Amino acid sequence: MIYKLVFDDKVIKDFKKIDSSWQKKILKVIQGKLIQTPYIGKKLVGDLSPFYRLRVGDYWIVYSIEDSLLIVTIIKVRHRKSVYR
């Protein structure tokens, strides 16, 4: 099954701050692997338990999955040092 992608408004703003070469790599992973197999990422714990993360180089993609609607919502795309702030 192919999932539909939804981007949080803040993701677009954060994404523009990332180097263009990394933007391409991140988009390739999101549009390739993530929409086909969203459970490829690691499930987060604690307060972040409804979310998953997927690493692309030094960047983390934080997202949620709504199976009933076949939607993957991208919450954050940031460098690993600042992703949980």
PDB file of N, CA and C in Angstrom:
ATOM      1  N   MET A   1       0.826  -1.186   0.000  1.00  0.00           N
ATOM      2  CA  MET A   1       0.000   0.000   0.000  1.00  0.00           C
ATOM      3  C   MET A   1       0.872   1.251   0.000  1.00  0.00           C
ATOM      4  N   ILE A   2       0.430   2.236  -0.701  1.00  0.00           N
ATOM      5  CA  ILE A   2       1.123   3.514  -0.744  1.00  0.00           C
ATOM      6  C   ILE A   2       0.399   4.480   0.195  1.00  0.00           C
ATOM      7  N   TYR A   3       1.156   5.091   1.083  1.00  0.00           N
ATOM      8  CA  TYR A   3       0.606   6.058   2.021  1.00  0.00           C
ATOM      9  C   TYR A   3       0.693   7.465   1.441  1.00  0.00           C
ATOM     10  N   LYS A   4      -0.257   8.292   1.813  1.00  0.00           N
ATOM     11  CA  LYS A   4      -0.259   9.696   1.411  1.00  0.00           C
ATOM     12  C   LYS A   4       0.635  10.465   2.381  1.00  0.00           C
ATOM     13  N   LEU A   5       1.375  11.440   1.865  1.00  0.00           N
ATOM     14  CA  LEU A   5       2.255  12.260   2.691  1.00  0.00           C
ATOM     15  C   LEU A   5       1.584  13.566   3.069  1.00  0.00           C
ATOM     16  N   VAL A   6       1.743  13.941   4.336  1.00  0.00           N
ATOM     17  CA  VAL A   6       1.283  15.236   4.823  1.00  0.00           C
ATOM     18  C   VAL A   6       2.455  15.847   5.579  1.00  0.00           C
ATOM     19  N   PHE A   7       2.758  17.105   5.279  1.00  0.00           N
ATOM     20  CA  PHE A   7       3.855  17.795   5.946  1.00  0.00           C
ATOM     21  C   PHE A   7       3.300  18.830   6.909  1.00  0.00           C
ATOM     22  N   ASP A   8       3.781  18.805   8.150  1.00  0.00           N
ATOM     23  CA  ASP A   8       3.451  19.837   9.123  1.00  0.00           C
ATOM     24  C   ASP A   8       3.990  21.172   8.608  1.00  0.00           C
ATOM     25  N   ASP A   9       3.309  22.265   8.919  1.00  0.00           N
ATOM     26  CA  ASP A   9       3.726  23.587   8.437  1.00  0.00           C
ATOM     27  C   ASP A   9       5.161  23.934   8.825  1.00  0.00           C
ATOM     28  N   LYS A  10       5.578  23.543  10.009  1.00  0.00           N
ATOM     29  CA  LYS A  10       6.928  23.853  10.491  1.00  0.00           C
ATOM     30  C   LYS A  10       8.002  23.097   9.716  1.00  0.00           C
ATOM     31  N   VAL A  11       7.648  21.971   9.148  1.00  0.00           N
ATOM     32  CA  VAL A  11       8.617  21.161   8.407  1.00  0.00           C
ATOM     33  C   VAL A  11       9.135  21.923   7.193  1.00  0.00           C
ATOM     34  N   ILE A  12       8.263  22.597   6.491  1.00  0.00           N
ATOM     35  CA  ILE A  12       8.672  23.352   5.304  1.00  0.00           C
ATOM     36  C   ILE A  12       9.685  24.424   5.690  1.00  0.00           C
ATOM     37  N   LYS A  13       9.424  25.117   6.778  1.00  0.00           N
ATOM     38  CA  LYS A  13      10.334  26.163   7.263  1.00  0.00           C
ATOM     39  C   LYS A  13      11.690  25.562   7.643  1.00  0.00           C
ATOM     40  N   ASP A  14      11.667  24.469   8.389  1.00  0.00           N
ATOM     41  CA  ASP A  14      12.913  23.811   8.803  1.00  0.00           C
ATOM     42  C   ASP A  14      13.662  23.242   7.607  1.00  0.00           C
ATOM     43  N   PHE A  15      12.913  22.716   6.649  1.00  0.00           N
ATOM     44  CA  PHE A  15      13.521  22.065   5.492  1.00  0.00           C
ATOM     45  C   PHE A  15      14.327  23.048   4.653  1.00  0.00           C
ATOM     46  N   LYS A  16      13.875  24.282   4.582  1.00  0.00           N
ATOM     47  CA  LYS A  16      14.575  25.304   3.801  1.00  0.00           C
ATOM     48  C   LYS A  16      15.947  25.637   4.380  1.00  0.00           C
ATOM     49  N   LYS A  17      16.149  25.348   5.657  1.00  0.00           N
ATOM     50  CA  LYS A  17      17.425  25.629   6.322  1.00  0.00           C
ATOM     51  C   LYS A  17      18.477  24.556   6.038  1.00  0.00           C
ATOM     52  N   ILE A  18      18.059  23.442   5.482  1.00  0.00           N
ATOM     53  CA  ILE A  18      18.959  22.317   5.217  1.00  0.00           C
ATOM     54  C   ILE A  18      19.625  22.510   3.859  1.00  0.00           C
ATOM     55  N   ASP A  19      20.892  22.107   3.771  1.00  0.00           N
ATOM     56  CA  ASP A  19      21.654  22.184   2.523  1.00  0.00           C
ATOM     57  C   ASP A  19      20.905  21.457   1.403  1.00  0.00           C
ATOM     58  N   SER A  20      20.949  22.001   0.198  1.00  0.00           N
ATOM     59  CA  SER A  20      20.158  21.450  -0.915  1.00  0.00           C
ATOM     60  C   SER A  20      20.518  20.005  -1.260  1.00  0.00           C
ATOM     61  N   SER A  21      21.784  19.630  -1.108  1.00  0.00           N
ATOM     62  CA  SER A  21      22.156  18.240  -1.407  1.00  0.00           C
ATOM     63  C   SER A  21      21.500  17.281  -0.410  1.00  0.00           C
ATOM     64  N   TRP A  22      21.410  17.702   0.857  1.00  0.00           N
ATOM     65  CA  TRP A  22      20.743  16.873   1.865  1.00  0.00           C
ATOM     66  C   TRP A  22      19.233  16.886   1.662  1.00  0.00           C
ATOM     67  N   GLN A  23      18.695  18.011   1.205  1.00  0.00           N
ATOM     68  CA  GLN A  23      17.262  18.071   0.922  1.00  0.00           C
ATOM     69  C   GLN A  23      16.873  17.002  -0.097  1.00  0.00           C
ATOM     70  N   LYS A  24      17.671  16.861  -1.140  1.00  0.00           N
ATOM     71  CA  LYS A  24      17.388  15.868  -2.180  1.00  0.00           C
ATOM     72  C   LYS A  24      17.431  14.454  -1.628  1.00  0.00           C
ATOM     73  N   LYS A  25      18.443  14.170  -0.792  1.00  0.00           N
ATOM     74  CA  LYS A  25      18.571  12.830  -0.206  1.00  0.00           C
ATOM     75  C   LYS A  25      17.389  12.521   0.709  1.00  0.00           C
ATOM     76  N   ILE A  26      17.012  13.497   1.519  1.00  0.00           N
ATOM     77  CA  ILE A  26      15.896  13.308   2.452  1.00  0.00           C
ATOM     78  C   ILE A  26      14.594  13.091   1.686  1.00  0.00           C
ATOM     79  N   LEU A  27      14.343  13.904   0.670  1.00  0.00           N
ATOM     80  CA  LEU A  27      13.127  13.748  -0.132  1.00  0.00           C
ATOM     81  C   LEU A  27      13.077  12.404  -0.844  1.00  0.00           C
ATOM     82  N   LYS A  28      14.234  11.936  -1.292  1.00  0.00           N
ATOM     83  CA  LYS A  28      14.296  10.637  -1.962  1.00  0.00           C
ATOM     84  C   LYS A  28      13.854   9.525  -1.009  1.00  0.00           C
ATOM     85  N   VAL A  29      14.303   9.589   0.237  1.00  0.00           N
ATOM     86  CA  VAL A  29      13.918   8.585   1.232  1.00  0.00           C
ATOM     87  C   VAL A  29      12.432   8.707   1.567  1.00  0.00           C
ATOM     88  N   ILE A  30      11.960   9.935   1.760  1.00  0.00           N
ATOM     89  CA  ILE A  30      10.547  10.148   2.097  1.00  0.00           C
ATOM     90  C   ILE A  30       9.647   9.651   0.969  1.00  0.00           C
ATOM     91  N   GLN A  31       9.953  10.037  -0.254  1.00  0.00           N
ATOM     92  CA  GLN A  31       9.099   9.679  -1.386  1.00  0.00           C
ATOM     93  C   GLN A  31       9.290   8.240  -1.842  1.00  0.00           C
ATOM     94  N   GLY A  32      10.379   7.628  -1.472  1.00  0.00           N
ATOM     95  CA  GLY A  32      10.629   6.246  -1.868  1.00  0.00           C
ATOM     96  C   GLY A  32      10.241   5.260  -0.790  1.00  0.00           C
ATOM     97  N   LYS A  33      11.067   5.154   0.225  1.00  0.00           N
ATOM     98  CA  LYS A  33      10.872   4.148   1.270  1.00  0.00           C
ATOM     99  C   LYS A  33       9.702   4.441   2.200  1.00  0.00           C
ATOM    100  N   LEU A  34       9.601   5.685   2.647  1.00  0.00           N
ATOM    101  CA  LEU A  34       8.660   6.010   3.717  1.00  0.00           C
ATOM    102  C   LEU A  34       7.200   5.843   3.318  1.00  0.00           C
ATOM    103  N   ILE A  35       6.835   6.210   2.101  1.00  0.00           N
ATOM    104  CA  ILE A  35       5.428   6.085   1.714  1.00  0.00           C
ATOM    105  C   ILE A  35       5.034   4.639   1.411  1.00  0.00           C
ATOM    106  N   GLN A  36       6.025   3.790   1.153  1.00  0.00           N
ATOM    107  CA  GLN A  36       5.722   2.385   0.865  1.00  0.00           C
ATOM    108  C   GLN A  36       5.776   1.519   2.114  1.00  0.00           C
ATOM    109  N   THR A  37       6.752   1.781   2.966  1.00  0.00           N
ATOM    110  CA  THR A  37       6.917   0.997   4.194  1.00  0.00           C
ATOM    111  C   THR A  37       7.180   1.937   5.366  1.00  0.00           C
ATOM    112  N   PRO A  38       6.146   2.590   5.885  1.00  0.00           N
ATOM    113  CA  PRO A  38       6.350   3.591   6.933  1.00  0.00           C
ATOM    114  C   PRO A  38       6.884   3.025   8.247  1.00  0.00           C
ATOM    115  N   TYR A  39       6.705   1.737   8.476  1.00  0.00           N
ATOM    116  CA  TYR A  39       7.188   1.154   9.729  1.00  0.00           C
ATOM    117  C   TYR A  39       8.678   0.826   9.679  1.00  0.00           C
ATOM    118  N   ILE A  40       9.373   1.314   8.654  1.00  0.00           N
ATOM    119  CA  ILE A  40      10.813   1.117   8.529  1.00  0.00           C
ATOM    120  C   ILE A  40      11.567   1.869   9.631  1.00  0.00           C
ATOM    121  N   GLY A  41      10.976   2.935  10.141  1.00  0.00           N
ATOM    122  CA  GLY A  41      11.608   3.747  11.184  1.00  0.00           C
ATOM    123  C   GLY A  41      11.470   3.115  12.557  1.00  0.00           C
ATOM    124  N   LYS A  42      12.158   3.715  13.514  1.00  0.00           N
ATOM    125  CA  LYS A  42      12.136   3.234  14.891  1.00  0.00           C
ATOM    126  C   LYS A  42      11.043   3.961  15.665  1.00  0.00           C
ATOM    127  N   LYS A  43      10.235   3.215  16.414  1.00  0.00           N
ATOM    128  CA  LYS A  43       9.177   3.812  17.230  1.00  0.00           C
ATOM    129  C   LYS A  43       9.808   4.513  18.423  1.00  0.00           C
ATOM    130  N   LEU A  44       9.359   5.732  18.693  1.00  0.00           N
ATOM    131  CA  LEU A  44       9.872   6.492  19.823  1.00  0.00           C
ATOM    132  C   LEU A  44       9.133   6.089  21.092  1.00  0.00           C
ATOM    133  N   VAL A  45       9.683   6.451  22.247  1.00  0.00           N
ATOM    134  CA  VAL A  45       9.105   6.057  23.536  1.00  0.00           C
ATOM    135  C   VAL A  45       8.781   7.290  24.378  1.00  0.00           C
ATOM    136  N   GLY A  46       8.101   7.065  25.486  1.00  0.00           N
ATOM    137  CA  GLY A  46       7.772   8.151  26.405  1.00  0.00           C
ATOM    138  C   GLY A  46       6.731   9.089  25.824  1.00  0.00           C
ATOM    139  N   ASP A  47       6.956  10.392  26.008  1.00  0.00           N
ATOM    140  CA  ASP A  47       6.021  11.402  25.503  1.00  0.00           C
ATOM    141  C   ASP A  47       5.921  11.388  23.983  1.00  0.00           C
ATOM    142  N   LEU A  48       6.934  10.850  23.333  1.00  0.00           N
ATOM    143  CA  LEU A  48       6.975  10.823  21.868  1.00  0.00           C
ATOM    144  C   LEU A  48       6.497   9.490  21.293  1.00  0.00           C
ATOM    145  N   SER A  49       5.837   8.678  22.109  1.00  0.00           N
ATOM    146  CA  SER A  49       5.460   7.324  21.690  1.00  0.00           C
ATOM    147  C   SER A  49       4.559   7.236  20.455  1.00  0.00           C
ATOM    148  N   PRO A  50       3.760   8.249  20.117  1.00  0.00           N
ATOM    149  CA  PRO A  50       2.979   8.090  18.880  1.00  0.00           C
ATOM    150  C   PRO A  50       3.793   8.302  17.604  1.00  0.00           C
ATOM    151  N   PHE A  51       5.071   8.620  17.750  1.00  0.00           N
ATOM    152  CA  PHE A  51       5.888   8.984  16.594  1.00  0.00           C
ATOM    153  C   PHE A  51       6.966   7.947  16.291  1.00  0.00           C
ATOM    154  N   TYR A  52       7.486   8.060  15.067  1.00  0.00           N
ATOM    155  CA  TYR A  52       8.587   7.224  14.597  1.00  0.00           C
ATOM    156  C   TYR A  52       9.699   8.139  14.122  1.00  0.00           C
ATOM    157  N   ARG A  53      10.905   7.583  14.004  1.00  0.00           N
ATOM    158  CA  ARG A  53      12.013   8.366  13.455  1.00  0.00           C
ATOM    159  C   ARG A  53      12.742   7.524  12.425  1.00  0.00           C
ATOM    160  N   LEU A  54      13.290   8.225  11.449  1.00  0.00           N
ATOM    161  CA  LEU A  54      14.069   7.575  10.407  1.00  0.00           C
ATOM    162  C   LEU A  54      15.289   8.433  10.152  1.00  0.00           C
ATOM    163  N   ARG A  55      16.438   7.815  10.122  1.00  0.00           N
ATOM    164  CA  ARG A  55      17.686   8.543   9.950  1.00  0.00           C
ATOM    165  C   ARG A  55      18.083   8.600   8.480  1.00  0.00           C
ATOM    166  N   VAL A  56      18.497   9.802   8.061  1.00  0.00           N
ATOM    167  CA  VAL A  56      19.074  10.008   6.733  1.00  0.00           C
ATOM    168  C   VAL A  56      20.345  10.804   6.969  1.00  0.00           C
ATOM    169  N   GLY A  57      21.482  10.126   6.963  1.00  0.00           N
ATOM    170  CA  GLY A  57      22.746  10.790   7.281  1.00  0.00           C
ATOM    171  C   GLY A  57      22.722  11.301   8.706  1.00  0.00           C
ATOM    172  N   ASP A  58      22.979  12.592   8.891  1.00  0.00           N
ATOM    173  CA  ASP A  58      22.944  13.207  10.218  1.00  0.00           C
ATOM    174  C   ASP A  58      21.592  13.837  10.526  1.00  0.00           C
ATOM    175  N   TYR A  59      20.599  13.549   9.716  1.00  0.00           N
ATOM    176  CA  TYR A  59      19.272  14.136   9.890  1.00  0.00           C
ATOM    177  C   TYR A  59      18.257  13.077  10.304  1.00  0.00           C
ATOM    178  N   TRP A  60      17.309  13.494  11.132  1.00  0.00           N
ATOM    179  CA  TRP A  60      16.220  12.630  11.560  1.00  0.00           C
ATOM    180  C   TRP A  60      14.923  13.130  10.946  1.00  0.00           C
ATOM    181  N   ILE A  61      14.132  12.188  10.471  1.00  0.00           N
ATOM    182  CA  ILE A  61      12.770  12.474  10.034  1.00  0.00           C
ATOM    183  C   ILE A  61      11.870  11.929  11.140  1.00  0.00           C
ATOM    184  N   VAL A  62      11.087  12.794  11.770  1.00  0.00           N
ATOM    185  CA  VAL A  62      10.148  12.373  12.809  1.00  0.00           C
ATOM    186  C   VAL A  62       8.757  12.434  12.191  1.00  0.00           C
ATOM    187  N   TYR A  63       7.999  11.343  12.325  1.00  0.00           N
ATOM    188  CA  TYR A  63       6.709  11.260  11.648  1.00  0.00           C
ATOM    189  C   TYR A  63       5.719  10.406  12.422  1.00  0.00           C
ATOM    190  N   SER A  64       4.460  10.537  12.066  1.00  0.00           N
ATOM    191  CA  SER A  64       3.408   9.701  12.643  1.00  0.00           C
ATOM    192  C   SER A  64       2.709   8.945  11.512  1.00  0.00           C
ATOM    193  N   ILE A  65       2.052   7.861  11.886  1.00  0.00           N
ATOM    194  CA  ILE A  65       1.377   7.010  10.904  1.00  0.00           C
ATOM    195  C   ILE A  65      -0.091   6.869  11.298  1.00  0.00           C
ATOM    196  N   GLU A  66      -0.981   7.093  10.345  1.00  0.00           N
ATOM    197  CA  GLU A  66      -2.411   6.865  10.544  1.00  0.00           C
ATOM    198  C   GLU A  66      -2.822   5.755   9.577  1.00  0.00           C
ATOM    199  N   ASP A  67      -2.781   4.520  10.067  1.00  0.00           N
ATOM    200  CA  ASP A  67      -3.071   3.363   9.214  1.00  0.00           C
ATOM    201  C   ASP A  67      -4.480   3.383   8.629  1.00  0.00           C
ATOM    202  N   SER A  68      -5.445   3.795   9.420  1.00  0.00           N
ATOM    203  CA  SER A  68      -6.833   3.762   8.945  1.00  0.00           C
ATOM    204  C   SER A  68      -7.059   4.681   7.745  1.00  0.00           C
ATOM    205  N   LEU A  69      -6.274   5.766   7.657  1.00  0.00           N
ATOM    206  CA  LEU A  69      -6.402   6.715   6.554  1.00  0.00           C
ATOM    207  C   LEU A  69      -5.272   6.600   5.537  1.00  0.00           C
ATOM    208  N   LEU A  70      -4.307   5.715   5.813  1.00  0.00           N
ATOM    209  CA  LEU A  70      -3.112   5.554   4.975  1.00  0.00           C
ATOM    210  C   LEU A  70      -2.373   6.887   4.799  1.00  0.00           C
ATOM    211  N   ILE A  71      -2.083   7.535   5.937  1.00  0.00           N
ATOM    212  CA  ILE A  71      -1.404   8.833   5.926  1.00  0.00           C
ATOM    213  C   ILE A  71      -0.150   8.779   6.790  1.00  0.00           C
ATOM    214  N   VAL A  72       0.945   9.313   6.251  1.00  0.00           N
ATOM    215  CA  VAL A  72       2.175   9.532   7.010  1.00  0.00           C
ATOM    216  C   VAL A  72       2.335  11.042   7.135  1.00  0.00           C
ATOM    217  N   THR A  73       2.374  11.529   8.377  1.00  0.00           N
ATOM    218  CA  THR A  73       2.533  12.961   8.623  1.00  0.00           C
ATOM    219  C   THR A  73       3.955  13.227   9.085  1.00  0.00           C
ATOM    220  N   ILE A  74       4.683  14.016   8.320  1.00  0.00           N
ATOM    221  CA  ILE A  74       6.051  14.380   8.675  1.00  0.00           C
ATOM    222  C   ILE A  74       5.970  15.519   9.684  1.00  0.00           C
ATOM    223  N   ILE A  75       6.513  15.287  10.876  1.00  0.00           N
ATOM    224  CA  ILE A  75       6.439  16.259  11.968  1.00  0.00           C
ATOM    225  C   ILE A  75       7.668  17.161  11.990  1.00  0.00           C
ATOM    226  N   LYS A  76       8.846  16.556  11.848  1.00  0.00           N
ATOM    227  CA  LYS A  76      10.101  17.314  11.878  1.00  0.00           C
ATOM    228  C   LYS A  76      11.124  16.680  10.953  1.00  0.00           C
ATOM    229  N   VAL A  77      11.968  17.522  10.379  1.00  0.00           N
ATOM    230  CA  VAL A  77      13.157  17.074   9.660  1.00  0.00           C
ATOM    231  C   VAL A  77      14.263  18.004  10.119  1.00  0.00           C
ATOM    232  N   ARG A  78      15.121  17.482  10.985  1.00  0.00           N
ATOM    233  CA  ARG A  78      16.176  18.321  11.555  1.00  0.00           C
ATOM    234  C   ARG A  78      17.455  17.514  11.756  1.00  0.00           C
ATOM    235  N   HIS A  79      18.532  18.262  11.993  1.00  0.00           N
ATOM    236  CA  HIS A  79      19.809  17.640  12.329  1.00  0.00           C
ATOM    237  C   HIS A  79      19.633  16.880  13.634  1.00  0.00           C
ATOM    238  N   ARG A  80      20.334  15.789  13.778  1.00  0.00           N
ATOM    239  CA  ARG A  80      20.156  14.924  14.949  1.00  0.00           C
ATOM    240  C   ARG A  80      20.434  15.629  16.267  1.00  0.00           C
ATOM    241  N   LYS A  81      21.255  16.680  16.257  1.00  0.00           N
ATOM    242  CA  LYS A  81      21.575  17.400  17.495  1.00  0.00           C
ATOM    243  C   LYS A  81      20.408  18.243  17.998  1.00  0.00           C
ATOM    244  N   SER A  82      19.519  18.647  17.107  1.00  0.00           N
ATOM    245  CA  SER A  82      18.449  19.562  17.520  1.00  0.00           C
ATOM    246  C   SER A  82      17.040  19.030  17.288  1.00  0.00           C
ATOM    247  N   VAL A  83      16.900  17.805  16.896  1.00  0.00           N
ATOM    248  CA  VAL A  83      15.587  17.291  16.490  1.00  0.00           C
ATOM    249  C   VAL A  83      14.577  17.229  17.633  1.00  0.00           C
ATOM    250  N   TYR A  84      14.991  16.963  18.850  1.00  0.00           N
ATOM    251  CA  TYR A  84      14.040  16.800  19.950  1.00  0.00           C
ATOM    252  C   TYR A  84      13.828  18.074  20.754  1.00  0.00           C
ATOM    253  N   ARG A  85      14.351  19.197  20.283  1.00  0.00           N
ATOM    254  CA  ARG A  85      14.167  20.469  20.998  1.00  0.00           C
ATOM    255  C   ARG A  85      12.875  21.116  20.612  1.00  0.00           C
TER     256      ARG A  85
END
